[in-house]
Structures are given as C-alpha cells and as structure tokens.
N, C-alpha and C. Protein backbone atom coordinates (compact mmCIF):
# COMPACT_ATOMS: atom_id res chain seq x y z
N MET A 1 0.85 -1.18 0.00
CA MET A 1 0.00 0.00 0.00
C MET A 1 0.89 1.24 0.00
N LYS A 2 0.64 2.13 -0.97
CA LYS A 2 1.43 3.36 -1.07
C LYS A 2 0.57 4.52 -0.56
N ILE A 3 1.09 5.26 0.42
CA ILE A 3 0.38 6.39 1.00
C ILE A 3 1.24 7.63 0.83
N THR A 4 0.71 8.62 0.10
CA THR A 4 1.48 9.83 -0.17
C THR A 4 0.67 11.08 0.21
N GLU A 5 1.40 12.14 0.55
CA GLU A 5 0.76 13.41 0.83
C GLU A 5 0.33 14.07 -0.48
N THR A 6 -0.77 14.80 -0.43
CA THR A 6 -1.18 15.62 -1.56
C THR A 6 -0.60 17.02 -1.34
N LYS A 7 -1.03 17.98 -2.15
CA LYS A 7 -0.52 19.35 -1.96
C LYS A 7 -0.98 19.96 -0.64
N ILE A 8 -2.02 19.39 -0.03
CA ILE A 8 -2.38 19.70 1.35
C ILE A 8 -1.92 18.50 2.16
N PRO A 9 -0.83 18.62 2.94
CA PRO A 9 -0.22 17.46 3.58
C PRO A 9 -1.15 16.61 4.43
N ALA A 10 -2.19 17.21 5.02
CA ALA A 10 -3.11 16.44 5.87
C ALA A 10 -3.98 15.49 5.06
N VAL A 11 -4.13 15.74 3.77
CA VAL A 11 -4.93 14.88 2.89
C VAL A 11 -3.99 13.90 2.23
N LYS A 12 -4.30 12.61 2.36
CA LYS A 12 -3.41 11.57 1.84
C LYS A 12 -4.06 10.80 0.69
N LEU A 13 -3.26 10.49 -0.31
CA LEU A 13 -3.67 9.63 -1.42
C LEU A 13 -3.18 8.23 -1.13
N ILE A 14 -4.09 7.27 -1.18
CA ILE A 14 -3.76 5.87 -0.88
C ILE A 14 -3.92 5.04 -2.14
N GLU A 15 -2.86 4.32 -2.50
CA GLU A 15 -2.88 3.46 -3.68
C GLU A 15 -2.56 2.03 -3.23
N PRO A 16 -3.57 1.17 -3.14
CA PRO A 16 -3.33 -0.18 -2.67
C PRO A 16 -2.66 -1.05 -3.72
N LYS A 17 -1.98 -2.08 -3.26
CA LYS A 17 -1.45 -3.08 -4.18
C LYS A 17 -2.60 -3.99 -4.58
N VAL A 18 -2.72 -4.22 -5.88
CA VAL A 18 -3.80 -5.05 -6.40
C VAL A 18 -3.18 -6.32 -6.96
N PHE A 19 -3.67 -7.46 -6.49
CA PHE A 19 -3.19 -8.76 -6.95
C PHE A 19 -4.30 -9.38 -7.79
N GLY A 20 -4.03 -9.54 -9.09
CA GLY A 20 -5.07 -10.03 -9.98
C GLY A 20 -4.60 -11.16 -10.88
N ASP A 21 -5.55 -11.96 -11.30
CA ASP A 21 -5.32 -13.00 -12.30
C ASP A 21 -6.63 -13.23 -13.04
N GLU A 22 -6.72 -14.35 -13.75
CA GLU A 22 -7.91 -14.61 -14.57
C GLU A 22 -9.18 -14.76 -13.73
N ARG A 23 -9.05 -14.99 -12.42
CA ARG A 23 -10.22 -15.15 -11.55
C ARG A 23 -10.78 -13.82 -11.06
N GLY A 24 -9.94 -12.78 -11.08
CA GLY A 24 -10.36 -11.49 -10.54
C GLY A 24 -9.20 -10.81 -9.83
N PHE A 25 -9.47 -10.18 -8.70
CA PHE A 25 -8.40 -9.48 -8.00
C PHE A 25 -8.64 -9.49 -6.50
N PHE A 26 -7.58 -9.12 -5.77
CA PHE A 26 -7.65 -8.92 -4.32
C PHE A 26 -6.85 -7.68 -4.00
N MET A 27 -7.36 -6.86 -3.07
CA MET A 27 -6.57 -5.74 -2.57
C MET A 27 -6.98 -5.45 -1.14
N GLU A 28 -6.04 -4.94 -0.38
CA GLU A 28 -6.29 -4.52 1.00
C GLU A 28 -6.67 -3.04 0.97
N THR A 29 -7.85 -2.72 1.51
CA THR A 29 -8.32 -1.34 1.46
C THR A 29 -8.14 -0.59 2.77
N TRP A 30 -7.93 -1.30 3.85
CA TRP A 30 -7.71 -0.64 5.15
C TRP A 30 -6.77 -1.49 5.97
N ASN A 31 -5.72 -0.85 6.49
CA ASN A 31 -4.77 -1.51 7.36
C ASN A 31 -4.38 -0.50 8.43
N GLU A 32 -4.87 -0.69 9.63
CA GLU A 32 -4.66 0.28 10.70
C GLU A 32 -3.18 0.55 10.95
N LYS A 33 -2.36 -0.49 10.94
CA LYS A 33 -0.93 -0.32 11.20
C LYS A 33 -0.28 0.55 10.12
N ALA A 34 -0.55 0.25 8.86
CA ALA A 34 0.04 1.03 7.76
C ALA A 34 -0.42 2.48 7.81
N PHE A 35 -1.68 2.69 8.13
CA PHE A 35 -2.19 4.05 8.18
C PHE A 35 -1.59 4.83 9.36
N ARG A 36 -1.44 4.17 10.51
CA ARG A 36 -0.84 4.85 11.65
C ARG A 36 0.61 5.23 11.35
N GLU A 37 1.31 4.35 10.66
CA GLU A 37 2.70 4.65 10.28
C GLU A 37 2.76 5.84 9.34
N ALA A 38 1.69 6.08 8.58
CA ALA A 38 1.64 7.22 7.67
C ALA A 38 1.06 8.46 8.33
N GLY A 39 0.80 8.38 9.65
CA GLY A 39 0.29 9.53 10.38
C GLY A 39 -1.22 9.66 10.39
N ILE A 40 -1.92 8.63 9.95
CA ILE A 40 -3.39 8.65 9.95
C ILE A 40 -3.86 7.90 11.18
N HIS A 41 -4.33 8.63 12.17
CA HIS A 41 -4.79 8.04 13.42
C HIS A 41 -6.31 8.19 13.48
N ALA A 42 -7.00 7.26 12.88
CA ALA A 42 -8.46 7.38 12.74
C ALA A 42 -9.16 6.17 13.31
N THR A 43 -10.27 6.44 13.95
CA THR A 43 -11.19 5.39 14.38
C THR A 43 -12.50 5.65 13.65
N PHE A 44 -12.97 4.67 12.92
CA PHE A 44 -14.18 4.85 12.11
C PHE A 44 -15.41 4.31 12.83
N VAL A 45 -16.51 5.06 12.72
CA VAL A 45 -17.75 4.68 13.40
C VAL A 45 -18.90 4.46 12.44
N GLN A 46 -18.71 4.80 11.17
CA GLN A 46 -19.81 4.71 10.22
C GLN A 46 -19.27 4.49 8.82
N ASP A 47 -19.90 3.58 8.06
CA ASP A 47 -19.59 3.36 6.65
C ASP A 47 -20.79 3.79 5.83
N ASN A 48 -20.54 4.47 4.70
CA ASN A 48 -21.61 4.93 3.81
C ASN A 48 -21.34 4.49 2.38
N HIS A 49 -22.43 4.36 1.62
CA HIS A 49 -22.35 3.95 0.22
C HIS A 49 -23.39 4.75 -0.54
N SER A 50 -22.96 5.50 -1.55
CA SER A 50 -23.91 6.22 -2.40
C SER A 50 -23.71 5.79 -3.84
N ARG A 51 -24.80 5.84 -4.60
CA ARG A 51 -24.75 5.59 -6.04
C ARG A 51 -25.30 6.83 -6.72
N SER A 52 -24.60 7.31 -7.72
CA SER A 52 -24.99 8.54 -8.41
C SER A 52 -24.76 8.39 -9.90
N VAL A 53 -25.60 9.09 -10.67
CA VAL A 53 -25.47 9.08 -12.13
C VAL A 53 -24.53 10.19 -12.57
N LYS A 54 -24.14 10.12 -13.85
CA LYS A 54 -23.20 11.08 -14.42
C LYS A 54 -23.68 12.52 -14.21
N ASN A 55 -22.73 13.41 -13.97
CA ASN A 55 -22.94 14.84 -13.75
C ASN A 55 -23.55 15.18 -12.39
N THR A 56 -23.71 14.17 -11.52
CA THR A 56 -24.13 14.49 -10.16
C THR A 56 -22.94 15.10 -9.43
N LEU A 57 -23.19 16.24 -8.80
CA LEU A 57 -22.17 16.87 -7.97
C LEU A 57 -22.73 16.94 -6.56
N ARG A 58 -22.04 16.25 -5.65
CA ARG A 58 -22.43 16.25 -4.24
C ARG A 58 -21.37 17.02 -3.46
N GLY A 59 -21.80 18.05 -2.74
CA GLY A 59 -20.83 18.78 -1.94
C GLY A 59 -20.98 20.27 -2.10
N GLN A 60 -20.11 20.88 -1.40
CA GLN A 60 -19.03 20.48 -0.53
C GLN A 60 -19.56 20.42 0.90
N HIS A 61 -19.65 19.23 1.46
CA HIS A 61 -20.30 19.02 2.75
C HIS A 61 -19.30 18.94 3.90
N TYR A 62 -19.75 19.39 5.06
CA TYR A 62 -18.98 19.25 6.29
C TYR A 62 -19.94 19.34 7.46
N GLN A 63 -19.46 18.99 8.63
CA GLN A 63 -20.26 19.08 9.84
C GLN A 63 -19.55 19.94 10.88
N ILE A 64 -20.32 20.81 11.56
CA ILE A 64 -19.80 21.52 12.72
C ILE A 64 -20.14 20.67 13.95
N LYS A 65 -19.51 20.95 15.05
CA LYS A 65 -19.69 20.24 16.32
C LYS A 65 -19.26 18.78 16.24
N GLN A 66 -19.59 18.09 15.18
CA GLN A 66 -19.17 16.70 14.99
C GLN A 66 -18.45 16.56 13.65
N PRO A 67 -17.30 17.23 13.48
CA PRO A 67 -16.60 17.14 12.19
C PRO A 67 -16.17 15.70 11.91
N GLN A 68 -16.27 15.33 10.66
CA GLN A 68 -15.96 13.96 10.25
C GLN A 68 -14.67 13.90 9.44
N GLY A 69 -13.79 12.99 9.82
CA GLY A 69 -12.72 12.59 8.93
C GLY A 69 -13.32 11.57 7.98
N LYS A 70 -12.88 11.58 6.73
CA LYS A 70 -13.46 10.65 5.74
C LYS A 70 -12.36 9.92 4.97
N PHE A 71 -12.58 8.64 4.79
CA PHE A 71 -11.71 7.78 3.99
C PHE A 71 -12.57 7.27 2.84
N VAL A 72 -12.29 7.74 1.62
CA VAL A 72 -13.21 7.56 0.50
C VAL A 72 -12.61 6.73 -0.63
N ARG A 73 -13.50 6.02 -1.35
CA ARG A 73 -13.07 5.26 -2.52
C ARG A 73 -14.26 5.02 -3.44
N VAL A 74 -13.98 4.65 -4.67
CA VAL A 74 -15.00 4.36 -5.67
C VAL A 74 -14.90 2.89 -6.04
N THR A 75 -16.02 2.19 -5.99
CA THR A 75 -16.03 0.76 -6.33
C THR A 75 -16.70 0.48 -7.67
N ARG A 76 -17.29 1.51 -8.26
CA ARG A 76 -17.87 1.40 -9.59
C ARG A 76 -17.82 2.77 -10.24
N GLY A 77 -17.30 2.85 -11.47
CA GLY A 77 -17.26 4.12 -12.18
C GLY A 77 -16.10 5.00 -11.76
N GLU A 78 -16.31 6.32 -11.92
CA GLU A 78 -15.25 7.29 -11.63
C GLU A 78 -15.86 8.59 -11.12
N VAL A 79 -15.14 9.22 -10.19
CA VAL A 79 -15.52 10.55 -9.71
C VAL A 79 -14.28 11.42 -9.63
N PHE A 80 -14.51 12.73 -9.67
CA PHE A 80 -13.48 13.70 -9.31
C PHE A 80 -13.79 14.11 -7.89
N ASP A 81 -12.90 13.77 -6.97
CA ASP A 81 -13.13 13.95 -5.54
C ASP A 81 -12.35 15.16 -5.03
N VAL A 82 -13.01 15.99 -4.21
CA VAL A 82 -12.40 17.24 -3.77
C VAL A 82 -12.50 17.38 -2.25
N ALA A 83 -11.41 17.81 -1.64
CA ALA A 83 -11.36 18.14 -0.21
C ALA A 83 -10.91 19.59 -0.07
N VAL A 84 -11.64 20.37 0.75
CA VAL A 84 -11.31 21.78 0.99
C VAL A 84 -11.00 21.96 2.47
N ASP A 85 -9.87 22.56 2.75
CA ASP A 85 -9.45 22.79 4.14
C ASP A 85 -10.25 23.94 4.75
N LEU A 86 -11.06 23.62 5.76
CA LEU A 86 -11.86 24.63 6.46
C LEU A 86 -11.33 24.90 7.87
N ARG A 87 -10.18 24.33 8.22
CA ARG A 87 -9.59 24.54 9.54
C ARG A 87 -9.00 25.95 9.58
N THR A 88 -9.70 26.86 10.24
CA THR A 88 -9.36 28.27 10.14
C THR A 88 -7.95 28.61 10.63
N GLY A 89 -7.35 27.81 11.48
CA GLY A 89 -5.99 28.07 11.93
C GLY A 89 -4.93 27.39 11.09
N SER A 90 -5.34 26.72 10.04
CA SER A 90 -4.42 25.94 9.22
C SER A 90 -3.71 26.80 8.18
N PRO A 91 -2.43 26.52 7.89
CA PRO A 91 -1.74 27.27 6.83
C PRO A 91 -2.31 27.00 5.44
N THR A 92 -3.11 25.94 5.29
CA THR A 92 -3.72 25.65 3.99
C THR A 92 -5.22 25.93 3.99
N PHE A 93 -5.67 26.75 4.94
CA PHE A 93 -7.10 27.09 5.00
C PHE A 93 -7.57 27.66 3.66
N GLY A 94 -8.74 27.18 3.21
CA GLY A 94 -9.32 27.66 1.96
C GLY A 94 -8.73 27.05 0.71
N GLN A 95 -7.72 26.20 0.86
CA GLN A 95 -7.15 25.52 -0.30
C GLN A 95 -7.85 24.20 -0.52
N TRP A 96 -7.77 23.70 -1.74
CA TRP A 96 -8.43 22.44 -2.08
C TRP A 96 -7.47 21.51 -2.80
N VAL A 97 -7.81 20.23 -2.76
CA VAL A 97 -7.08 19.22 -3.51
C VAL A 97 -8.12 18.31 -4.16
N GLY A 98 -7.85 17.90 -5.39
CA GLY A 98 -8.77 17.03 -6.11
C GLY A 98 -8.04 15.86 -6.74
N GLU A 99 -8.70 14.70 -6.73
CA GLU A 99 -8.13 13.48 -7.32
C GLU A 99 -9.22 12.70 -8.03
N TYR A 100 -8.88 12.08 -9.14
CA TYR A 100 -9.80 11.16 -9.79
C TYR A 100 -9.70 9.81 -9.09
N LEU A 101 -10.82 9.32 -8.62
CA LEU A 101 -10.91 8.01 -7.98
C LEU A 101 -11.81 7.14 -8.85
N SER A 102 -11.37 5.91 -9.11
CA SER A 102 -12.18 5.05 -9.98
C SER A 102 -11.99 3.57 -9.63
N GLU A 103 -12.86 2.76 -10.18
CA GLU A 103 -12.73 1.32 -9.98
C GLU A 103 -11.50 0.80 -10.72
N GLU A 104 -11.01 1.53 -11.73
CA GLU A 104 -9.81 1.10 -12.45
C GLU A 104 -8.53 1.45 -11.71
N ASN A 105 -8.44 2.70 -11.18
CA ASN A 105 -7.17 3.08 -10.54
C ASN A 105 -7.11 2.70 -9.06
N ASN A 106 -8.26 2.33 -8.46
CA ASN A 106 -8.33 1.87 -7.06
C ASN A 106 -7.78 2.87 -6.05
N ARG A 107 -7.64 4.12 -6.44
CA ARG A 107 -7.12 5.13 -5.50
C ARG A 107 -8.16 5.45 -4.43
N MET A 108 -7.66 5.82 -3.26
CA MET A 108 -8.51 6.21 -2.15
C MET A 108 -7.95 7.50 -1.57
N LEU A 109 -8.79 8.24 -0.86
CA LEU A 109 -8.37 9.52 -0.30
C LEU A 109 -8.77 9.60 1.16
N TRP A 110 -7.86 10.10 1.98
CA TRP A 110 -8.13 10.36 3.40
C TRP A 110 -8.12 11.86 3.62
N MET A 111 -9.16 12.37 4.26
CA MET A 111 -9.19 13.76 4.69
C MET A 111 -9.60 13.79 6.16
N PRO A 112 -8.84 14.49 7.00
CA PRO A 112 -9.15 14.52 8.43
C PRO A 112 -10.34 15.42 8.74
N PRO A 113 -10.84 15.41 9.97
CA PRO A 113 -11.91 16.33 10.35
C PRO A 113 -11.50 17.78 10.07
N GLY A 114 -12.50 18.58 9.68
CA GLY A 114 -12.23 19.98 9.39
C GLY A 114 -12.14 20.28 7.91
N PHE A 115 -12.46 19.30 7.07
CA PHE A 115 -12.45 19.50 5.62
C PHE A 115 -13.88 19.40 5.08
N ALA A 116 -14.17 20.23 4.08
CA ALA A 116 -15.39 20.05 3.30
C ALA A 116 -15.08 19.03 2.21
N HIS A 117 -16.07 18.25 1.84
CA HIS A 117 -15.86 17.19 0.87
C HIS A 117 -16.94 17.21 -0.19
N GLY A 118 -16.54 16.96 -1.42
CA GLY A 118 -17.50 16.86 -2.51
C GLY A 118 -16.94 16.01 -3.63
N PHE A 119 -17.83 15.57 -4.51
CA PHE A 119 -17.35 14.84 -5.69
C PHE A 119 -18.30 15.03 -6.86
N LEU A 120 -17.73 14.90 -8.06
CA LEU A 120 -18.46 14.99 -9.32
C LEU A 120 -18.34 13.65 -10.02
N VAL A 121 -19.47 13.08 -10.42
CA VAL A 121 -19.47 11.79 -11.13
C VAL A 121 -19.14 12.04 -12.60
N THR A 122 -18.06 11.40 -13.07
CA THR A 122 -17.60 11.59 -14.45
C THR A 122 -17.91 10.39 -15.34
N SER A 123 -18.34 9.28 -14.76
CA SER A 123 -18.74 8.10 -15.53
C SER A 123 -20.27 8.06 -15.59
N ASP A 124 -20.81 7.09 -16.33
CA ASP A 124 -22.27 6.98 -16.45
C ASP A 124 -22.94 6.80 -15.09
N MET A 125 -22.28 6.09 -14.21
CA MET A 125 -22.77 5.87 -12.85
C MET A 125 -21.57 5.59 -11.96
N ALA A 126 -21.69 5.91 -10.69
CA ALA A 126 -20.58 5.64 -9.77
C ALA A 126 -21.12 5.19 -8.41
N ASP A 127 -20.45 4.19 -7.84
CA ASP A 127 -20.69 3.78 -6.46
C ASP A 127 -19.54 4.33 -5.63
N PHE A 128 -19.91 5.12 -4.63
CA PHE A 128 -18.94 5.84 -3.81
C PHE A 128 -19.08 5.34 -2.38
N GLN A 129 -17.98 4.87 -1.79
CA GLN A 129 -18.03 4.33 -0.44
C GLN A 129 -17.05 5.08 0.44
N TYR A 130 -17.47 5.32 1.69
CA TYR A 130 -16.57 6.03 2.59
C TYR A 130 -16.83 5.71 4.04
N LYS A 131 -15.73 5.77 4.80
CA LYS A 131 -15.75 5.58 6.24
C LYS A 131 -15.67 6.95 6.90
N CYS A 132 -16.35 7.11 8.04
CA CYS A 132 -16.38 8.38 8.75
C CYS A 132 -15.91 8.20 10.19
N THR A 133 -15.25 9.22 10.73
CA THR A 133 -14.75 9.16 12.10
C THR A 133 -15.77 9.64 13.12
N ASP A 134 -16.89 10.20 12.67
CA ASP A 134 -17.97 10.57 13.57
C ASP A 134 -19.28 10.31 12.85
N PHE A 135 -20.36 10.26 13.62
CA PHE A 135 -21.66 9.92 13.07
C PHE A 135 -22.26 11.09 12.29
N TYR A 136 -23.07 10.75 11.30
CA TYR A 136 -23.81 11.77 10.55
C TYR A 136 -24.77 12.48 11.49
N ALA A 137 -24.74 13.80 11.46
CA ALA A 137 -25.61 14.62 12.31
C ALA A 137 -26.23 15.70 11.44
N PRO A 138 -27.43 15.45 10.90
CA PRO A 138 -28.03 16.41 9.96
C PRO A 138 -28.17 17.82 10.51
N GLU A 139 -28.36 17.94 11.82
CA GLU A 139 -28.51 19.27 12.40
C GLU A 139 -27.19 20.06 12.38
N HIS A 140 -26.08 19.36 12.20
CA HIS A 140 -24.77 20.03 12.16
C HIS A 140 -24.17 20.06 10.75
N GLU A 141 -24.89 19.51 9.78
CA GLU A 141 -24.35 19.47 8.42
C GLU A 141 -24.47 20.85 7.76
N ARG A 142 -23.43 21.19 7.03
CA ARG A 142 -23.38 22.43 6.28
C ARG A 142 -22.82 22.14 4.89
N SER A 143 -22.96 23.11 4.00
CA SER A 143 -22.44 22.96 2.65
C SER A 143 -21.90 24.28 2.14
N ILE A 144 -20.74 24.24 1.51
CA ILE A 144 -20.14 25.39 0.85
C ILE A 144 -20.45 25.27 -0.65
N ARG A 145 -20.83 26.36 -1.26
CA ARG A 145 -21.21 26.36 -2.67
C ARG A 145 -20.11 25.75 -3.54
N TRP A 146 -20.49 24.85 -4.42
CA TRP A 146 -19.53 24.11 -5.25
C TRP A 146 -18.70 25.03 -6.13
N ASN A 147 -19.29 26.17 -6.55
CA ASN A 147 -18.58 27.08 -7.45
C ASN A 147 -18.21 28.40 -6.78
N ASP A 148 -17.98 28.36 -5.49
CA ASP A 148 -17.59 29.56 -4.75
C ASP A 148 -16.31 30.13 -5.38
N PRO A 149 -16.34 31.38 -5.87
CA PRO A 149 -15.16 31.93 -6.54
C PRO A 149 -13.95 32.09 -5.63
N SER A 150 -14.17 32.19 -4.32
CA SER A 150 -13.01 32.33 -3.43
C SER A 150 -12.24 31.02 -3.30
N LEU A 151 -12.89 29.90 -3.55
CA LEU A 151 -12.21 28.61 -3.54
C LEU A 151 -11.64 28.27 -4.91
N ASN A 152 -12.38 28.64 -5.95
CA ASN A 152 -11.95 28.43 -7.33
C ASN A 152 -11.58 26.96 -7.62
N VAL A 153 -12.45 26.04 -7.19
CA VAL A 153 -12.22 24.62 -7.47
C VAL A 153 -12.40 24.37 -8.96
N ASN A 154 -11.42 23.73 -9.57
CA ASN A 154 -11.51 23.41 -10.99
C ASN A 154 -12.14 22.03 -11.16
N TRP A 155 -13.46 22.01 -11.28
CA TRP A 155 -14.20 20.76 -11.43
C TRP A 155 -14.12 20.20 -12.85
N GLY A 156 -13.63 21.00 -13.79
CA GLY A 156 -13.60 20.57 -15.18
C GLY A 156 -14.98 20.58 -15.83
N VAL A 157 -15.89 21.38 -15.28
CA VAL A 157 -17.26 21.45 -15.77
C VAL A 157 -17.34 22.48 -16.89
N THR A 158 -17.82 22.06 -18.05
CA THR A 158 -17.97 23.00 -19.17
C THR A 158 -19.40 23.54 -19.27
N ASN A 159 -20.38 22.74 -18.83
CA ASN A 159 -21.78 23.17 -18.88
C ASN A 159 -22.41 23.02 -17.50
N PRO A 160 -22.32 24.05 -16.66
CA PRO A 160 -22.88 23.95 -15.31
C PRO A 160 -24.37 23.60 -15.28
N GLU A 161 -25.10 23.96 -16.34
CA GLU A 161 -26.53 23.65 -16.38
C GLU A 161 -26.80 22.14 -16.48
N ASP A 162 -25.78 21.36 -16.84
CA ASP A 162 -25.94 19.90 -16.91
C ASP A 162 -25.77 19.22 -15.55
N LEU A 163 -25.27 19.95 -14.55
CA LEU A 163 -25.02 19.36 -13.24
C LEU A 163 -26.32 18.99 -12.53
N LEU A 164 -26.28 17.89 -11.81
CA LEU A 164 -27.40 17.45 -10.98
C LEU A 164 -27.02 17.73 -9.53
N LEU A 165 -27.74 18.68 -8.92
CA LEU A 165 -27.45 19.12 -7.56
C LEU A 165 -28.68 18.93 -6.68
N SER A 166 -28.45 18.61 -5.43
CA SER A 166 -29.56 18.55 -4.47
C SER A 166 -30.00 19.98 -4.14
N GLY A 167 -31.17 20.09 -3.53
CA GLY A 167 -31.65 21.40 -3.11
C GLY A 167 -30.71 22.08 -2.15
N LYS A 168 -30.18 21.30 -1.18
CA LYS A 168 -29.29 21.91 -0.18
C LYS A 168 -27.98 22.38 -0.82
N ASP A 169 -27.52 21.67 -1.86
CA ASP A 169 -26.29 22.09 -2.51
C ASP A 169 -26.52 23.30 -3.41
N LYS A 170 -27.70 23.40 -4.01
CA LYS A 170 -28.03 24.60 -4.79
C LYS A 170 -28.09 25.83 -3.89
N ASP A 171 -28.55 25.64 -2.64
CA ASP A 171 -28.72 26.74 -1.70
C ASP A 171 -27.54 26.90 -0.74
N ALA A 172 -26.42 26.24 -1.03
CA ALA A 172 -25.27 26.28 -0.12
C ALA A 172 -24.73 27.69 0.03
N GLN A 173 -24.09 27.93 1.16
CA GLN A 173 -23.53 29.25 1.42
C GLN A 173 -22.13 29.38 0.85
N SER A 174 -21.66 30.60 0.79
CA SER A 174 -20.30 30.86 0.36
C SER A 174 -19.35 30.64 1.54
N LEU A 175 -18.08 30.55 1.25
CA LEU A 175 -17.09 30.44 2.32
C LEU A 175 -17.15 31.67 3.21
N GLU A 176 -17.30 32.83 2.62
CA GLU A 176 -17.38 34.08 3.40
C GLU A 176 -18.57 34.03 4.37
N GLU A 177 -19.73 33.54 3.90
CA GLU A 177 -20.90 33.46 4.75
C GLU A 177 -20.72 32.46 5.89
N ALA A 178 -19.88 31.47 5.68
CA ALA A 178 -19.66 30.42 6.68
C ALA A 178 -18.59 30.76 7.70
N MET A 179 -17.86 31.84 7.51
CA MET A 179 -16.65 32.10 8.30
C MET A 179 -16.88 32.19 9.80
N ASP A 180 -17.90 32.88 10.25
CA ASP A 180 -18.10 33.01 11.70
C ASP A 180 -18.25 31.64 12.36
N GLU A 181 -19.06 30.79 11.76
CA GLU A 181 -19.28 29.46 12.31
C GLU A 181 -18.03 28.60 12.21
N LEU A 182 -17.33 28.71 11.08
CA LEU A 182 -16.09 27.93 10.92
C LEU A 182 -15.07 28.32 11.98
N THR A 183 -14.93 29.60 12.22
CA THR A 183 -13.98 30.07 13.22
C THR A 183 -14.34 29.54 14.60
N GLU A 184 -15.63 29.57 14.92
CA GLU A 184 -16.07 29.10 16.23
C GLU A 184 -15.80 27.62 16.43
N TYR A 185 -16.03 26.79 15.41
CA TYR A 185 -15.95 25.35 15.60
C TYR A 185 -14.65 24.71 15.15
N PHE A 186 -13.98 25.26 14.12
CA PHE A 186 -12.83 24.56 13.57
C PHE A 186 -11.49 25.12 14.02
N ALA A 187 -11.43 26.32 14.53
CA ALA A 187 -10.14 26.90 14.90
C ALA A 187 -9.49 26.11 16.04
N ALA A 188 -10.25 25.74 17.04
CA ALA A 188 -9.67 25.09 18.22
C ALA A 188 -10.03 23.61 18.30
N LYS A 189 -10.95 23.13 17.50
CA LYS A 189 -11.47 21.79 17.70
C LYS A 189 -11.01 20.76 16.66
N THR A 190 -10.15 21.16 15.73
CA THR A 190 -9.62 20.19 14.78
C THR A 190 -8.10 20.32 14.75
N GLU A 191 -7.46 19.22 14.45
CA GLU A 191 -6.00 19.22 14.38
C GLU A 191 -5.53 19.91 13.12
N HIS A 192 -4.40 20.60 13.23
CA HIS A 192 -3.81 21.22 12.06
C HIS A 192 -2.50 20.54 11.69
N LYS A 193 -2.31 19.36 12.22
CA LYS A 193 -1.10 18.62 11.89
C LYS A 193 -1.23 18.00 10.51
N PRO A 194 -0.10 17.85 9.79
CA PRO A 194 -0.17 17.15 8.53
C PRO A 194 -0.52 15.71 8.77
C-alpha cells in the first residue's frame, strides 16, 4: 500500500497493491498499522455507500460540532473527488485538492476532520463508499457552494446547467458566509497537523 501526501499534507492519497489473475483481483483497502505509520490516526464509526449518475455533484459538505474525517473510494465508475481545508488556523485554510478516484485506478483519499468534501461523477454511474470518524448529524451538516469563486475549485465542468445538484447544494452558502461558524468550531477543535 502506497500512502502519499497531496498538496495539502493532511490529505493523503492511498494506492493499494492489487493482486489479480484470470479469476479477478484482491486488494487490501484498510490496514490500521500502515495508516498509523503514515500519520493517519483514525477510528471509524460509520460506513456509507452512495450511487450517483453522471454529472451528479455532491458537496461540498462538512459538519460543525461533529466534524468527520473521511476515507473515501470508488467501487464502480469514476468521480473527481475534492477536499477543501476549512480549519481556520491551518496554513492551507481555503485551499483544495482534487483526485480522480475510480474502480480502475483503485485510488482512495483520506481527509481529516475539518475538511469540506464533494465529488463529481464523471462516468455513467458511480458507487462511492466512505468511512467516517464521527456519526452523521443532519442538524450540524453544512455545505459550501460548489462554485464559490473564493475557492476556485476546478471541477472541469464545461456546462454547469448539466449538473445534478440537491436542493441543499443549490442553496449552499459561500465560504465568506460560513466564516463566523467555521472560526467558532474549527479553529480550536480540529488538528492542524499534517
């Protein structure tokens, strides 16, 4: 298993070794010892699985009071996966990193608590699976607008009108609108270590 830092050191790209033959393949997707050696100290309490059609954009979601670290992967299709640093005391605050995750490349991404997360489905359909370090709490869930100009995430979208967005994502706030709450909850309550 290869674990490397992205341009935001706290976000890690994980590339498992895949052993395949004419019968299929095997790969290890989680190894606590390997992850701890790479500086990922996570305890997971919830696993989620979503299926989405092409041009679905989910995000950028995060939770206050119960921020979630997420370990994400794609088991069918392909997505462009994005993590945005919302830890207000972090040197990479407001920066983002994006990676293509697919059933072909088997890449996975780790983002610690204090990050907003979103993905765009680039294949006809995608199954997206992820582990969380805290439970889903709808009353604490928030969303930053996918096309917030202050973040300038390059989704590779040429026709925004083709995107499929939920109501909450269409009505998401800007980073500027979220700042007071982010400062209150993320400045002291999330780690800023790589």
